Protein backbone atom coordinates (compact mmCIF):
# COMPACT_ATOMS: atom_id res chain seq x y z
CA UNK A 1 -0.01 -0.03 -0.02
CA UNK A 2 1.34 3.38 -0.95
CA UNK A 3 2.46 5.60 1.87
CA UNK A 4 1.38 9.21 2.51
CA UNK A 5 4.70 10.29 1.31
CA UNK A 6 4.38 8.38 -1.96
CA UNK A 7 0.95 9.67 -2.52
CA UNK A 8 1.85 13.26 -1.85
CA UNK A 9 5.02 13.16 -4.10
CA UNK A 10 2.82 11.54 -6.88
CA UNK A 11 0.37 14.35 -6.66
CA UNK A 12 3.09 17.04 -6.68
CA UNK A 13 4.60 15.56 -9.81
CA UNK A 14 1.27 14.96 -11.72
CA UNK A 15 -0.50 18.16 -10.62
CA UNK A 16 2.01 20.97 -9.69
CA UNK A 17 -0.54 23.72 -10.30
CA UNK A 18 -3.24 22.03 -8.21
CA UNK A 19 -0.66 21.24 -5.50
CA UNK A 20 0.47 24.92 -5.60
CA UNK A 21 -3.10 25.91 -4.77
CA UNK A 22 -3.24 23.74 -1.81
CA UNK A 23 0.18 24.60 -0.47
CA UNK A 24 -0.67 28.38 -0.62
CA UNK A 25 -3.26 27.73 2.04
CA UNK A 26 -0.76 26.32 4.58
CA UNK A 27 1.06 28.32 7.14
CA UNK A 28 4.40 29.53 5.59
CA UNK A 29 6.41 27.47 7.85
CA UNK A 30 4.58 24.33 7.04
CA UNK A 31 4.63 24.97 3.32
CA UNK A 32 8.34 25.73 3.49
CA UNK A 33 8.79 22.42 5.29
CA UNK A 34 7.07 20.54 2.63
CA UNK A 35 8.88 21.99 -0.29
CA UNK A 36 12.23 21.47 1.57
CA UNK A 37 11.52 17.87 2.13
CA UNK A 38 10.33 17.13 -1.37
CA UNK A 39 12.93 16.38 -4.14
CA UNK A 40 13.99 19.55 -5.93
CA UNK A 41 12.62 18.21 -9.29
CA UNK A 42 9.14 18.13 -7.65
CA UNK A 43 9.30 21.28 -5.43
CA UNK A 44 10.49 23.58 -8.12
CA UNK A 45 7.46 23.23 -10.50
CA UNK A 46 5.13 23.60 -7.62
CA UNK A 47 6.80 26.76 -6.43
CA UNK A 48 6.88 28.04 -10.06
CA UNK A 49 3.08 27.83 -9.97
CA UNK A 50 2.53 29.49 -6.59
CA UNK A 51 1.36 33.10 -6.24
CA UNK A 52 4.65 35.04 -5.86
CA UNK A 53 3.64 36.46 -2.47
CA UNK A 54 2.90 33.00 -1.06
CA UNK A 55 5.99 31.63 -2.56
CA UNK A 56 8.21 34.35 -1.19
CA UNK A 57 6.84 33.74 2.29
CA UNK A 58 7.85 30.14 1.92
CA UNK A 59 11.32 30.94 0.80
CA UNK A 60 11.64 33.36 3.75
CA UNK A 61 11.44 30.31 6.08
CA UNK A 62 14.46 28.53 4.48
CA UNK A 63 18.24 28.96 4.66
CA UNK A 64 20.09 30.45 1.79
CA UNK A 65 21.17 27.06 0.46
CA UNK A 66 17.63 25.85 0.12
CA UNK A 67 16.39 29.07 -1.28
CA UNK A 68 19.05 29.35 -4.03
CA UNK A 69 18.42 25.81 -4.96
CA UNK A 70 14.77 26.48 -5.53
CA UNK A 71 15.55 29.86 -7.28
CA UNK A 72 17.77 27.86 -9.78
CA UNK A 73 15.04 25.33 -10.21
CA UNK A 74 12.14 27.69 -10.91
CA UNK A 75 14.20 29.75 -13.47
CA UNK A 76 14.53 33.44 -13.95
CA UNK A 77 11.05 34.20 -15.17
CA UNK A 78 9.29 32.78 -12.08
CA UNK A 79 12.17 33.52 -9.77
CA UNK A 80 12.16 37.30 -10.37
CA UNK A 81 8.44 37.55 -9.34
CA UNK A 82 9.56 35.93 -6.06
CA UNK A 83 12.56 38.14 -5.52
CA UNK A 84 10.55 41.28 -5.89
CA UNK A 85 9.17 40.63 -2.47
CA UNK A 86 12.61 40.67 -0.84
CA UNK A 87 14.57 43.76 0.30
CA UNK A 88 17.34 44.92 -1.89
CA UNK A 89 20.02 43.65 0.59
CA UNK A 90 18.64 40.13 0.78
CA UNK A 91 17.97 40.05 -2.85
CA UNK A 92 21.68 40.90 -3.54
CA UNK A 93 22.80 38.13 -1.12
CA UNK A 94 20.86 35.51 -2.85
CA UNK A 95 21.74 36.60 -6.29
CA UNK A 96 25.44 36.42 -5.35
CA UNK A 97 25.11 32.68 -4.65
CA UNK A 98 23.45 31.81 -8.01
CA UNK A 99 25.42 30.74 -11.08
CA UNK A 100 26.75 33.78 -13.09
CA UNK A 101 24.50 33.22 -16.07
CA UNK A 102 21.47 32.94 -14.02
CA UNK A 103 22.38 36.05 -11.92
CA UNK A 104 22.75 38.03 -15.13
CA UNK A 105 19.27 36.88 -16.21
CA UNK A 106 17.66 37.75 -12.88
CA UNK A 107 19.41 41.13 -12.75
CA UNK A 108 18.20 41.90 -16.32
CA UNK A 109 14.58 41.06 -15.40
CA UNK A 110 14.76 42.91 -12.16
CA UNK A 111 15.88 46.11 -14.01
CA UNK A 112 12.41 46.39 -15.72
CA UNK A 113 9.46 47.79 -13.83
CA UNK A 114 6.73 45.22 -12.72
CA UNK A 115 3.95 45.07 -15.13
CA UNK A 116 6.12 45.57 -18.31
CA UNK A 117 7.10 42.95 -20.99
CA UNK A 118 10.73 42.99 -19.97
CA UNK A 119 9.86 41.92 -16.47
CA UNK A 120 8.32 38.72 -17.80
CA UNK A 121 10.21 37.69 -20.96
CA UNK A 122 12.44 34.70 -21.20
CA UNK A 123 15.91 36.45 -21.29
CA UNK A 124 17.65 33.58 -23.12
CA UNK A 125 16.04 33.52 -26.54
CA UNK A 126 17.25 30.86 -29.00
CA UNK A 127 19.25 33.21 -31.36
CA UNK A 128 22.25 32.72 -33.65
CA UNK A 129 24.58 35.15 -35.46
CA UNK A 130 23.87 35.70 -39.21
CA UNK A 131 27.32 34.31 -40.19
CA UNK A 132 26.69 30.87 -38.52
CA UNK A 133 26.14 28.11 -40.98
CA UNK A 134 22.93 25.91 -41.16
CA UNK A 135 24.92 22.94 -40.08
CA UNK A 136 26.25 24.59 -36.93
CA UNK A 137 22.84 26.00 -36.17
CA UNK A 138 21.19 22.51 -36.26
CA UNK A 139 23.84 21.20 -33.87
CA UNK A 140 23.06 24.09 -31.58
CA UNK A 141 19.38 23.41 -31.81
CA UNK A 142 19.90 19.65 -30.97
CA UNK A 143 21.80 20.76 -27.83
CA UNK A 144 19.20 23.32 -26.78
CA UNK A 145 16.99 22.96 -23.78
CA UNK A 146 13.84 21.04 -24.96
CA UNK A 147 11.66 23.62 -23.36
CA UNK A 148 13.18 26.35 -25.43
CA UNK A 149 13.44 24.70 -28.83
CA UNK A 150 11.77 26.87 -31.44
CA UNK A 151 12.56 28.59 -34.76
CA UNK A 152 15.81 30.38 -33.91
CA UNK A 153 16.19 34.21 -34.28
CA UNK A 154 19.01 35.54 -36.43
CA UNK A 155 21.09 38.49 -34.98
CA UNK A 156 24.00 40.57 -36.11
CA UNK A 157 27.22 41.05 -33.91
CA UNK A 158 25.49 44.01 -32.19
CA UNK A 159 22.61 41.62 -31.25
CA UNK A 160 20.34 43.46 -33.63
CA UNK A 161 17.25 41.32 -34.61
CA UNK A 162 17.51 40.51 -38.32
CA UNK A 163 14.80 37.92 -38.65
CA UNK A 164 14.29 34.27 -37.89
CA UNK A 165 14.93 30.89 -39.58
CA UNK A 166 12.58 27.95 -39.65
CA UNK A 167 13.92 24.65 -38.46
CA UNK A 168 12.42 23.06 -41.57
CA UNK A 169 14.59 25.38 -43.70
CA UNK A 170 17.65 24.47 -41.71
CA UNK A 171 17.05 20.85 -42.42
CA UNK A 172 16.60 21.40 -46.15
CA UNK A 173 19.49 23.79 -46.57
CA UNK A 174 23.07 23.09 -47.56
CA UNK A 175 25.04 22.68 -44.30
CA UNK A 176 27.45 25.41 -45.40
CA UNK A 177 24.66 28.02 -46.07
CA UNK A 178 24.79 30.92 -43.72
CA UNK A 179 21.66 32.09 -41.74
CA UNK A 180 21.91 35.45 -43.42
CA UNK A 181 20.81 33.71 -46.61
CA UNK A 182 18.02 31.72 -44.88
CA UNK A 183 16.55 34.29 -42.53
CA UNK A 184 12.92 35.34 -43.02
CA UNK A 185 11.80 38.84 -41.99
CA UNK A 186 10.55 39.25 -38.50
CA UNK A 187 7.91 42.06 -38.45
CA UNK A 188 6.35 41.11 -35.17
CA UNK A 189 8.28 42.28 -32.11
CA UNK A 190 7.52 44.02 -28.78
CA UNK A 191 9.50 46.66 -26.95
CA UNK A 192 10.79 45.59 -23.49
CA UNK A 193 9.30 48.68 -21.87
CA UNK A 194 5.75 47.96 -23.24
CA UNK A 195 3.03 47.43 -20.56
CA UNK A 196 1.54 43.95 -20.38
CA UNK A 197 -1.91 45.26 -19.98
CA UNK A 198 -2.31 46.44 -23.55
CA UNK A 199 -0.87 43.07 -25.15
CA UNK A 200 -3.70 40.32 -24.88
CA UNK A 201 -5.26 41.59 -28.15
CA UNK A 202 -1.96 42.05 -29.99
CA UNK A 203 -2.39 40.71 -33.47
CA UNK A 204 0.82 38.83 -33.29
CA UNK A 205 -0.71 36.13 -31.07
CA UNK A 206 -2.82 34.96 -34.14
CA UNK A 207 0.40 33.98 -35.86
CA UNK A 208 2.84 32.86 -33.28
CA UNK A 209 3.01 31.68 -29.59
CA UNK A 210 6.03 33.71 -28.69
CA UNK A 211 7.23 37.21 -29.78
CA UNK A 212 10.75 38.57 -29.70
CA UNK A 213 11.36 41.44 -27.31
CA UNK A 214 13.74 44.13 -28.32
CA UNK A 215 15.29 47.29 -26.78
CA UNK A 216 16.40 50.48 -28.47
CA UNK A 217 18.14 49.75 -31.86
CA UNK A 218 16.22 46.54 -32.27
CA UNK A 219 18.60 44.75 -29.89
CA UNK A 220 17.01 41.29 -29.16
CA UNK A 221 16.82 40.85 -25.32
CA UNK A 222 14.24 38.00 -24.91
CA UNK A 223 11.03 36.41 -25.90
CA UNK A 224 7.54 36.59 -24.46
CA UNK A 225 5.20 33.66 -24.92
CA UNK A 226 1.43 34.14 -24.83
CA UNK A 227 1.25 31.65 -21.85
CA UNK A 228 3.76 33.96 -19.75
CA UNK A 229 1.66 37.02 -20.70
CA UNK A 230 -1.56 35.35 -19.50
CA UNK A 231 0.17 34.11 -16.37
CA UNK A 232 1.43 37.59 -15.53
CA UNK A 233 -1.88 39.26 -16.01
CA UNK A 234 -3.49 36.60 -13.94
CA UNK A 235 -1.04 37.19 -11.05
CA UNK A 236 -1.56 40.82 -11.23
CA UNK A 237 -5.36 40.28 -10.69
CA UNK A 238 -4.92 37.57 -8.10
CA UNK A 239 -2.45 39.31 -5.79
CA UNK A 240 -4.86 41.72 -4.12
CA UNK A 241 -7.26 38.87 -3.52
CA UNK A 242 -4.42 36.89 -1.62
CA UNK A 243 -3.55 39.97 0.44
CA UNK A 244 -7.10 40.89 1.39
CA UNK A 245 -9.40 37.83 0.97
CA UNK A 246 -7.45 34.66 1.63
CA UNK A 247 -10.60 32.99 3.01
CA UNK A 248 -12.25 33.35 -0.27
CA UNK A 249 -9.65 31.10 -1.94
CA UNK A 250 -10.21 28.44 0.77
CA UNK A 251 -13.89 28.45 0.10
CA UNK A 252 -13.34 27.99 -3.70
CA UNK A 253 -10.99 25.01 -3.14
CA UNK A 254 -13.93 22.65 -2.52
CA UNK A 255 -14.18 19.38 -0.85
CA UNK A 256 -11.71 17.57 -3.23
CA UNK A 257 -8.85 19.98 -2.27
CA UNK A 258 -9.66 19.81 1.37
CA UNK A 259 -8.94 16.12 1.12
CA UNK A 260 -5.69 16.64 -0.68
CA UNK A 261 -4.75 19.45 1.69
CA UNK A 262 -5.25 17.08 4.76
CA UNK A 263 -2.94 14.58 3.05
CA UNK A 264 -0.21 17.17 2.36
CA UNK A 265 -0.49 18.64 5.88
CA UNK A 266 -0.16 15.08 7.33
CA UNK A 267 3.04 14.70 5.17
CA UNK A 268 4.47 17.93 6.61
CA UNK A 269 4.49 16.37 10.04
CA UNK A 270 6.04 13.11 8.83
CA UNK A 271 8.94 14.34 6.67
CA UNK A 272 12.39 15.86 7.77
CA UNK A 273 12.91 19.45 6.97
CA UNK A 274 16.06 19.00 5.09
CA UNK A 275 16.00 17.77 1.51
CA UNK A 276 17.15 14.23 1.18
CA UNK A 277 20.56 13.33 -0.15
CA UNK A 278 20.84 12.74 -3.88
CA UNK A 279 17.44 14.57 -4.57
CA UNK A 280 18.94 17.92 -5.40
């Protein structure tokens, strides 16, 4: 018979968004204990789905090693929303413990005001220089993070957006052909300083699921997916409710989630606070 630990971990893995709704209702110390005890591969997706205010309160209960581990796991887009709830000194201390590439991504996103495109973009777009060959590009695509594989953008040496190239074109092209010859025009783009509120009706979403983000001089700095836009707008609308009407969330959870909550709260009392060896 499966233990409460096994059942809870299975729930975290299969339904991270639903688990996040339940964990948001726990006291911060109990929620933090659960996230600390779960394997990082399960805890990070759940934290990524939590409202940033609730997630930040969980992180506050942890030591810096646990916090930085989870900040690595959730990635820059979700992590920056959490870090906005920390003071500048604490935030700087946490960033100093992250890998250099991730620190740069966090600092870039934190430099944009909340509610702008830049604060929610993915700061690591799949982009290759125009003088790269099709063969080299395909090899880079094969090594890319699966979650980020898409038609790559083409940029010049000043990071100016020149266009994009379809992976199908890369597969058909002569391996020695340069991306400058294969690139297609990229008319759709968003300025990093644009406000999110005006973007749900942008015509570009009818053609693509992600738009390139540019700064002055058409310098490519990231991409924004339609899903990230909707999540950002949802969080903006949800945050006041969390601060002023938490009981409403509890009522909306329903009997099913009450059962799941009981299971998870029971697990909090059974598991050690520190993450198990080998799970990070």
